[in-house]
Amino acid sequence: MTEDLDIRRPELRDVPRTGTVRWFKAEKGYGRVTADDGEVLFVHFADIQVDGYRALVDGERVQFVWRGGIQDHGRHRAEDVRPLDR
């Protein structure tokens, strides 16, 4: 299914998108972001662009891009994740 989405929606690659942090487990270093269009993406702490400790807060608004990366369980991976209100 994810591969089909990649083929049908190539216009989403490298385009800045916004969404909301669904959940983020700082102790594990990963979580999920729900894009404004409803897609749920994986987010890893290494992709968070902040000074200091890289973590997100549940419910926080973020901007990110998807560069075609797929994470475990077939989820797209949000990259270059930037909190909007910090």
PDB file of N, CA and C in Angstrom:
ATOM      1  N   MET A   1       0.818  -1.195   0.000  1.00  0.00           N
ATOM      2  CA  MET A   1       0.000   0.000   0.000  1.00  0.00           C
ATOM      3  C   MET A   1       0.859   1.255   0.000  1.00  0.00           C
ATOM      4  N   THR A   2       1.902   1.293   0.806  1.00  0.00           N
ATOM      5  CA  THR A   2       2.762   2.467   0.852  1.00  0.00           C
ATOM      6  C   THR A   2       3.431   2.704  -0.492  1.00  0.00           C
ATOM      7  N   GLU A   3       3.852   1.634  -1.164  1.00  0.00           N
ATOM      8  CA  GLU A   3       4.472   1.800  -2.472  1.00  0.00           C
ATOM      9  C   GLU A   3       3.496   2.434  -3.454  1.00  0.00           C
ATOM     10  N   ASP A   4       2.222   2.039  -3.403  1.00  0.00           N
ATOM     11  CA  ASP A   4       1.216   2.640  -4.266  1.00  0.00           C
ATOM     12  C   ASP A   4       1.097   4.129  -3.988  1.00  0.00           C
ATOM     13  N   LEU A   5       1.120   4.501  -2.717  1.00  0.00           N
ATOM     14  CA  LEU A   5       1.023   5.907  -2.346  1.00  0.00           C
ATOM     15  C   LEU A   5       2.210   6.677  -2.906  1.00  0.00           C
ATOM     16  N   ASP A   6       3.398   6.087  -2.854  1.00  0.00           N
ATOM     17  CA  ASP A   6       4.598   6.736  -3.375  1.00  0.00           C
ATOM     18  C   ASP A   6       4.444   7.044  -4.863  1.00  0.00           C
ATOM     19  N   ILE A   7       3.870   6.125  -5.613  1.00  0.00           N
ATOM     20  CA  ILE A   7       3.710   6.293  -7.053  1.00  0.00           C
ATOM     21  C   ILE A   7       2.629   7.322  -7.355  1.00  0.00           C
ATOM     22  N   ARG A   8       1.544   7.289  -6.623  1.00  0.00           N
ATOM     23  CA  ARG A   8       0.425   8.188  -6.891  1.00  0.00           C
ATOM     24  C   ARG A   8       0.681   9.612  -6.425  1.00  0.00           C
ATOM     25  N   ARG A   9       1.542   9.794  -5.421  1.00  0.00           N
ATOM     26  CA  ARG A   9       1.710  11.125  -4.840  1.00  0.00           C
ATOM     27  C   ARG A   9       3.172  11.578  -4.817  1.00  0.00           C
ATOM     28  N   PRO A  10       3.875  11.482  -5.933  1.00  0.00           N
ATOM     29  CA  PRO A  10       5.275  11.918  -5.937  1.00  0.00           C
ATOM     30  C   PRO A  10       5.413  13.409  -5.685  1.00  0.00           C
ATOM     31  N   GLU A  11       4.342  14.167  -5.884  1.00  0.00           N
ATOM     32  CA  GLU A  11       4.380  15.614  -5.665  1.00  0.00           C
ATOM     33  C   GLU A  11       4.608  15.977  -4.200  1.00  0.00           C
ATOM     34  N   LEU A  12       4.457  15.016  -3.292  1.00  0.00           N
ATOM     35  CA  LEU A  12       4.667  15.286  -1.868  1.00  0.00           C
ATOM     36  C   LEU A  12       6.137  15.247  -1.470  1.00  0.00           C
ATOM     37  N   ARG A  13       6.992  14.710  -2.317  1.00  0.00           N
ATOM     38  CA  ARG A  13       8.413  14.624  -1.976  1.00  0.00           C
ATOM     39  C   ARG A  13       9.047  16.006  -1.952  1.00  0.00           C
ATOM     40  N   ASP A  14       9.812  16.257  -0.886  1.00  0.00           N
ATOM     41  CA  ASP A  14      10.584  17.494  -0.723  1.00  0.00           C
ATOM     42  C   ASP A  14       9.730  18.754  -0.623  1.00  0.00           C
ATOM     43  N   VAL A  15       8.446  18.612  -0.412  1.00  0.00           N
ATOM     44  CA  VAL A  15       7.561  19.765  -0.256  1.00  0.00           C
ATOM     45  C   VAL A  15       7.326  19.988   1.231  1.00  0.00           C
ATOM     46  N   PRO A  16       7.573  21.211   1.743  1.00  0.00           N
ATOM     47  CA  PRO A  16       7.289  21.465   3.160  1.00  0.00           C
ATOM     48  C   PRO A  16       5.806  21.223   3.461  1.00  0.00           C
ATOM     49  N   ARG A  17       5.564  20.472   4.529  1.00  0.00           N
ATOM     50  CA  ARG A  17       4.200  20.165   4.967  1.00  0.00           C
ATOM     51  C   ARG A  17       4.102  20.484   6.447  1.00  0.00           C
ATOM     52  N   THR A  18       2.908  20.631   6.934  1.00  0.00           N
ATOM     53  CA  THR A  18       2.706  20.865   8.361  1.00  0.00           C
ATOM     54  C   THR A  18       1.826  19.774   8.936  1.00  0.00           C
ATOM     55  N   GLY A  19       1.935  19.621  10.249  1.00  0.00           N
ATOM     56  CA  GLY A  19       1.140  18.625  10.940  1.00  0.00           C
ATOM     57  C   GLY A  19       1.247  18.791  12.434  1.00  0.00           C
ATOM     58  N   THR A  20       0.744  17.805  13.143  1.00  0.00           N
ATOM     59  CA  THR A  20       0.701  17.821  14.600  1.00  0.00           C
ATOM     60  C   THR A  20       1.343  16.550  15.135  1.00  0.00           C
ATOM     61  N   VAL A  21       2.122  16.706  16.206  1.00  0.00           N
ATOM     62  CA  VAL A  21       2.745  15.543  16.836  1.00  0.00           C
ATOM     63  C   VAL A  21       1.644  14.705  17.468  1.00  0.00           C
ATOM     64  N   ARG A  22       1.505  13.503  17.002  1.00  0.00           N
ATOM     65  CA  ARG A  22       0.501  12.571  17.534  1.00  0.00           C
ATOM     66  C   ARG A  22       0.972  12.046  18.884  1.00  0.00           C
ATOM     67  N   TRP A  23       2.225  11.592  18.922  1.00  0.00           N
ATOM     68  CA  TRP A  23       2.892  11.192  20.162  1.00  0.00           C
ATOM     69  C   TRP A  23       4.384  11.122  19.893  1.00  0.00           C
ATOM     70  N   PHE A  24       5.162  11.308  20.950  1.00  0.00           N
ATOM     71  CA  PHE A  24       6.612  11.211  20.842  1.00  0.00           C
ATOM     72  C   PHE A  24       7.153  10.681  22.153  1.00  0.00           C
ATOM     73  N   LYS A  25       7.909   9.590  22.095  1.00  0.00           N
ATOM     74  CA  LYS A  25       8.520   8.983  23.282  1.00  0.00           C
ATOM     75  C   LYS A  25       9.988   9.398  23.311  1.00  0.00           C
ATOM     76  N   ALA A  26      10.286  10.415  24.121  1.00  0.00           N
ATOM     77  CA  ALA A  26      11.646  10.957  24.184  1.00  0.00           C
ATOM     78  C   ALA A  26      12.654   9.895  24.615  1.00  0.00           C
ATOM     79  N   GLU A  27      12.254   9.010  25.531  1.00  0.00           N
ATOM     80  CA  GLU A  27      13.185   7.986  26.017  1.00  0.00           C
ATOM     81  C   GLU A  27      13.552   6.977  24.929  1.00  0.00           C
ATOM     82  N   LYS A  28      12.697   6.816  23.938  1.00  0.00           N
ATOM     83  CA  LYS A  28      12.980   5.902  22.825  1.00  0.00           C
ATOM     84  C   LYS A  28      13.485   6.654  21.594  1.00  0.00           C
ATOM     85  N   GLY A  29      13.181   7.952  21.523  1.00  0.00           N
ATOM     86  CA  GLY A  29      13.679   8.773  20.425  1.00  0.00           C
ATOM     87  C   GLY A  29      12.864   8.733  19.148  1.00  0.00           C
ATOM     88  N   TYR A  30      11.601   8.341  19.245  1.00  0.00           N
ATOM     89  CA  TYR A  30      10.771   8.327  18.041  1.00  0.00           C
ATOM     90  C   TYR A  30       9.309   8.554  18.380  1.00  0.00           C
ATOM     91  N   GLY A  31       8.521   8.795  17.334  1.00  0.00           N
ATOM     92  CA  GLY A  31       7.094   9.010  17.527  1.00  0.00           C
ATOM     93  C   GLY A  31       6.378   9.072  16.191  1.00  0.00           C
ATOM     94  N   ARG A  32       5.213   9.691  16.205  1.00  0.00           N
ATOM     95  CA  ARG A  32       4.379   9.814  15.012  1.00  0.00           C
ATOM     96  C   ARG A  32       3.899  11.257  14.878  1.00  0.00           C
ATOM     97  N   VAL A  33       3.800  11.690  13.631  1.00  0.00           N
ATOM     98  CA  VAL A  33       3.268  13.001  13.288  1.00  0.00           C
ATOM     99  C   VAL A  33       2.096  12.771  12.350  1.00  0.00           C
ATOM    100  N   THR A  34       0.997  13.474  12.578  1.00  0.00           N
ATOM    101  CA  THR A  34      -0.134  13.421  11.662  1.00  0.00           C
ATOM    102  C   THR A  34      -0.100  14.677  10.804  1.00  0.00           C
ATOM    103  N   ALA A  35       0.077  14.490   9.499  1.00  0.00           N
ATOM    104  CA  ALA A  35       0.090  15.619   8.571  1.00  0.00           C
ATOM    105  C   ALA A  35      -1.305  16.219   8.490  1.00  0.00           C
ATOM    106  N   ASP A  36      -1.374  17.472   8.067  1.00  0.00           N
ATOM    107  CA  ASP A  36      -2.672  18.134   7.947  1.00  0.00           C
ATOM    108  C   ASP A  36      -3.603  17.428   6.972  1.00  0.00           C
ATOM    109  N   ASP A  37      -3.043  16.637   6.048  1.00  0.00           N
ATOM    110  CA  ASP A  37      -3.890  15.896   5.110  1.00  0.00           C
ATOM    111  C   ASP A  37      -4.326  14.537   5.662  1.00  0.00           C
ATOM    112  N   GLY A  38      -3.924  14.236   6.919  1.00  0.00           N
ATOM    113  CA  GLY A  38      -4.350  13.005   7.575  1.00  0.00           C
ATOM    114  C   GLY A  38      -3.346  11.869   7.550  1.00  0.00           C
ATOM    115  N   GLU A  39      -2.297  11.975   6.748  1.00  0.00           N
ATOM    116  CA  GLU A  39      -1.289  10.916   6.695  1.00  0.00           C
ATOM    117  C   GLU A  39      -0.506  10.877   8.002  1.00  0.00           C
ATOM    118  N   VAL A  40      -0.241   9.679   8.507  1.00  0.00           N
ATOM    119  CA  VAL A  40       0.553   9.501   9.725  1.00  0.00           C
ATOM    120  C   VAL A  40       1.961   9.091   9.309  1.00  0.00           C
ATOM    121  N   LEU A  41       2.964   9.830   9.815  1.00  0.00           N
ATOM    122  CA  LEU A  41       4.358   9.579   9.463  1.00  0.00           C
ATOM    123  C   LEU A  41       5.170   9.265  10.701  1.00  0.00           C
ATOM    124  N   PHE A  42       6.210   8.470  10.523  1.00  0.00           N
ATOM    125  CA  PHE A  42       7.177   8.162  11.570  1.00  0.00           C
ATOM    126  C   PHE A  42       8.113   9.357  11.713  1.00  0.00           C
ATOM    127  N   VAL A  43       8.528   9.675  12.947  1.00  0.00           N
ATOM    128  CA  VAL A  43       9.537  10.713  13.161  1.00  0.00           C
ATOM    129  C   VAL A  43      10.591  10.182  14.130  1.00  0.00           C
ATOM    130  N   HIS A  44      11.866  10.381  13.779  1.00  0.00           N
ATOM    131  CA  HIS A  44      12.998   9.953  14.597  1.00  0.00           C
ATOM    132  C   HIS A  44      13.698  11.196  15.124  1.00  0.00           C
ATOM    133  N   PHE A  45      14.251  11.099  16.336  1.00  0.00           N
ATOM    134  CA  PHE A  45      14.868  12.274  16.951  1.00  0.00           C
ATOM    135  C   PHE A  45      15.973  12.880  16.083  1.00  0.00           C
ATOM    136  N   ALA A  46      16.661  12.076  15.297  1.00  0.00           N
ATOM    137  CA  ALA A  46      17.745  12.588  14.455  1.00  0.00           C
ATOM    138  C   ALA A  46      17.239  13.541  13.374  1.00  0.00           C
ATOM    139  N   ASP A  47      15.944  13.486  13.066  1.00  0.00           N
ATOM    140  CA  ASP A  47      15.359  14.350  12.042  1.00  0.00           C
ATOM    141  C   ASP A  47      14.764  15.630  12.608  1.00  0.00           C
ATOM    142  N   ILE A  48      14.849  15.826  13.923  1.00  0.00           N
ATOM    143  CA  ILE A  48      14.291  17.019  14.566  1.00  0.00           C
ATOM    144  C   ILE A  48      15.339  18.119  14.550  1.00  0.00           C
ATOM    145  N   GLN A  49      14.970  19.271  14.018  1.00  0.00           N
ATOM    146  CA  GLN A  49      15.893  20.396  13.859  1.00  0.00           C
ATOM    147  C   GLN A  49      15.651  21.440  14.953  1.00  0.00           C
ATOM    148  N   VAL A  50      16.256  21.222  16.116  1.00  0.00           N
ATOM    149  CA  VAL A  50      16.189  22.182  17.227  1.00  0.00           C
ATOM    150  C   VAL A  50      17.568  22.246  17.875  1.00  0.00           C
ATOM    151  N   ASP A  51      17.825  23.329  18.591  1.00  0.00           N
ATOM    152  CA  ASP A  51      19.046  23.418  19.385  1.00  0.00           C
ATOM    153  C   ASP A  51      18.837  22.623  20.662  1.00  0.00           C
ATOM    154  N   GLY A  52      19.867  21.960  21.119  1.00  0.00           N
ATOM    155  CA  GLY A  52      19.774  21.211  22.368  1.00  0.00           C
ATOM    156  C   GLY A  52      19.124  19.852  22.189  1.00  0.00           C
ATOM    157  N   TYR A  53      18.386  19.444  23.227  1.00  0.00           N
ATOM    158  CA  TYR A  53      17.758  18.120  23.277  1.00  0.00           C
ATOM    159  C   TYR A  53      16.689  17.993  22.200  1.00  0.00           C
ATOM    160  N   ARG A  54      16.799  16.979  21.372  1.00  0.00           N
ATOM    161  CA  ARG A  54      15.865  16.783  20.263  1.00  0.00           C
ATOM    162  C   ARG A  54      14.684  15.929  20.697  1.00  0.00           C
ATOM    163  N   ALA A  55      13.587  16.594  20.960  1.00  0.00           N
ATOM    164  CA  ALA A  55      12.351  15.907  21.345  1.00  0.00           C
ATOM    165  C   ALA A  55      11.179  16.760  20.890  1.00  0.00           C
ATOM    166  N   LEU A  56      10.026  16.150  20.791  1.00  0.00           N
ATOM    167  CA  LEU A  56       8.794  16.841  20.434  1.00  0.00           C
ATOM    168  C   LEU A  56       7.780  16.647  21.543  1.00  0.00           C
ATOM    169  N   VAL A  57       6.770  17.507  21.555  1.00  0.00           N
ATOM    170  CA  VAL A  57       5.726  17.462  22.568  1.00  0.00           C
ATOM    171  C   VAL A  57       4.421  17.042  21.894  1.00  0.00           C
ATOM    172  N   ASP A  58       3.708  16.119  22.509  1.00  0.00           N
ATOM    173  CA  ASP A  58       2.416  15.690  21.969  1.00  0.00           C
ATOM    174  C   ASP A  58       1.532  16.910  21.725  1.00  0.00           C
ATOM    175  N   GLY A  59       0.928  16.983  20.547  1.00  0.00           N
ATOM    176  CA  GLY A  59       0.052  18.089  20.198  1.00  0.00           C
ATOM    177  C   GLY A  59       0.763  19.289  19.584  1.00  0.00           C
ATOM    178  N   GLU A  60       2.078  19.263  19.555  1.00  0.00           N
ATOM    179  CA  GLU A  60       2.866  20.374  19.013  1.00  0.00           C
ATOM    180  C   GLU A  60       2.733  20.440  17.489  1.00  0.00           C
ATOM    181  N   ARG A  61       2.650  21.653  16.962  1.00  0.00           N
ATOM    182  CA  ARG A  61       2.598  21.854  15.513  1.00  0.00           C
ATOM    183  C   ARG A  61       4.017  21.840  14.958  1.00  0.00           C
ATOM    184  N   VAL A  62       4.209  21.155  13.828  1.00  0.00           N
ATOM    185  CA  VAL A  62       5.528  21.031  13.214  1.00  0.00           C
ATOM    186  C   VAL A  62       5.448  21.218  11.700  1.00  0.00           C
ATOM    187  N   GLN A  63       6.602  21.548  11.131  1.00  0.00           N
ATOM    188  CA  GLN A  63       6.772  21.550   9.686  1.00  0.00           C
ATOM    189  C   GLN A  63       7.792  20.461   9.378  1.00  0.00           C
ATOM    190  N   PHE A  64       7.636  19.784   8.250  1.00  0.00           N
ATOM    191  CA  PHE A  64       8.539  18.693   7.890  1.00  0.00           C
ATOM    192  C   PHE A  64       8.499  18.480   6.389  1.00  0.00           C
ATOM    193  N   VAL A  65       9.405  17.649   5.908  1.00  0.00           N
ATOM    194  CA  VAL A  65       9.360  17.205   4.515  1.00  0.00           C
ATOM    195  C   VAL A  65       9.427  15.687   4.502  1.00  0.00           C
ATOM    196  N   TRP A  66       8.966  15.122   3.421  1.00  0.00           N
ATOM    197  CA  TRP A  66       9.104  13.686   3.183  1.00  0.00           C
ATOM    198  C   TRP A  66       9.940  13.546   1.923  1.00  0.00           C
ATOM    199  N   ARG A  67      11.053  12.829   2.038  1.00  0.00           N
ATOM    200  CA  ARG A  67      11.975  12.685   0.910  1.00  0.00           C
ATOM    201  C   ARG A  67      11.923  11.286   0.299  1.00  0.00           C
ATOM    202  N   GLY A  68      10.859  10.590   0.531  1.00  0.00           N
ATOM    203  CA  GLY A  68      10.713   9.259  -0.046  1.00  0.00           C
ATOM    204  C   GLY A  68      11.110   8.140   0.891  1.00  0.00           C
ATOM    205  N   GLY A  69      11.565   8.493   2.097  1.00  0.00           N
ATOM    206  CA  GLY A  69      11.988   7.482   3.053  1.00  0.00           C
ATOM    207  C   GLY A  69      10.821   6.716   3.652  1.00  0.00           C
ATOM    208  N   ILE A  70      11.031   5.416   3.826  1.00  0.00           N
ATOM    209  CA  ILE A  70      10.035   4.544   4.439  1.00  0.00           C
ATOM    210  C   ILE A  70      10.660   3.951   5.692  1.00  0.00           C
ATOM    211  N   GLN A  71       9.912   3.943   6.786  1.00  0.00           N
ATOM    212  CA  GLN A  71      10.389   3.389   8.044  1.00  0.00           C
ATOM    213  C   GLN A  71       9.735   2.025   8.267  1.00  0.00           C
ATOM    214  N   ASP A  72      10.078   1.397   9.383  1.00  0.00           N
ATOM    215  CA  ASP A  72       9.467   0.116   9.744  1.00  0.00           C
ATOM    216  C   ASP A  72       7.947   0.188   9.629  1.00  0.00           C
ATOM    217  N   HIS A  73       7.345  -0.895   9.319  1.00  0.00           N
ATOM    218  CA  HIS A  73       5.888  -1.029   9.197  1.00  0.00           C
ATOM    219  C   HIS A  73       5.330  -0.209   8.037  1.00  0.00           C
ATOM    220  N   GLY A  74       6.184   0.221   7.109  1.00  0.00           N
ATOM    221  CA  GLY A  74       5.710   0.880   5.905  1.00  0.00           C
ATOM    222  C   GLY A  74       5.306   2.328   6.033  1.00  0.00           C
ATOM    223  N   ARG A  75       5.561   2.964   7.160  1.00  0.00           N
ATOM    224  CA  ARG A  75       5.194   4.376   7.316  1.00  0.00           C
ATOM    225  C   ARG A  75       6.220   5.271   6.634  1.00  0.00           C
ATOM    226  N   HIS A  76       5.727   6.348   6.052  1.00  0.00           N
ATOM    227  CA  HIS A  76       6.636   7.360   5.534  1.00  0.00           C
ATOM    228  C   HIS A  76       7.358   8.000   6.707  1.00  0.00           C
ATOM    229  N   ARG A  77       8.582   8.471   6.458  1.00  0.00           N
ATOM    230  CA  ARG A  77       9.395   9.069   7.517  1.00  0.00           C
ATOM    231  C   ARG A  77       9.452  10.582   7.331  1.00  0.00           C
ATOM    232  N   ALA A  78       9.011  11.321   8.338  1.00  0.00           N
ATOM    233  CA  ALA A  78       9.105  12.781   8.321  1.00  0.00           C
ATOM    234  C   ALA A  78      10.561  13.166   8.555  1.00  0.00           C
ATOM    235  N   GLU A  79      11.073  14.088   7.745  1.00  0.00           N
ATOM    236  CA  GLU A  79      12.453  14.535   7.880  1.00  0.00           C
ATOM    237  C   GLU A  79      12.484  16.054   8.001  1.00  0.00           C
ATOM    238  N   ASP A  80      13.616  16.574   8.475  1.00  0.00           N
ATOM    239  CA  ASP A  80      13.795  18.017   8.640  1.00  0.00           C
ATOM    240  C   ASP A  80      12.620  18.599   9.438  1.00  0.00           C
ATOM    241  N   VAL A  81      12.311  17.956  10.557  1.00  0.00           N
ATOM    242  CA  VAL A  81      11.154  18.314  11.383  1.00  0.00           C
ATOM    243  C   VAL A  81      11.486  19.537  12.236  1.00  0.00           C
ATOM    244  N   ARG A  82      10.652  20.566  12.132  1.00  0.00           N
ATOM    245  CA  ARG A  82      10.875  21.816  12.860  1.00  0.00           C
ATOM    246  C   ARG A  82       9.608  22.233  13.601  1.00  0.00           C
ATOM    247  N   PRO A  83       9.699  22.362  14.925  1.00  0.00           N
ATOM    248  CA  PRO A  83       8.552  22.865  15.681  1.00  0.00           C
ATOM    249  C   PRO A  83       8.210  24.283  15.213  1.00  0.00           C
ATOM    250  N   LEU A  84       6.939  24.592  15.095  1.00  0.00           N
ATOM    251  CA  LEU A  84       6.519  25.899  14.593  1.00  0.00           C
ATOM    252  C   LEU A  84       6.432  26.966  15.680  1.00  0.00           C
ATOM    253  N   ASP A  85       6.242  26.578  16.916  1.00  0.00           N
ATOM    254  CA  ASP A  85       6.000  27.564  17.973  1.00  0.00           C
ATOM    255  C   ASP A  85       7.132  27.688  18.978  1.00  0.00           C
ATOM    256  N   ARG A  86       8.350  27.345  18.595  1.00  0.00           N
ATOM    257  CA  ARG A  86       9.475  27.489  19.531  1.00  0.00           C
ATOM    258  C   ARG A  86      10.347  28.635  19.111  1.00  0.00           C
TER     259      ARG A  86
END
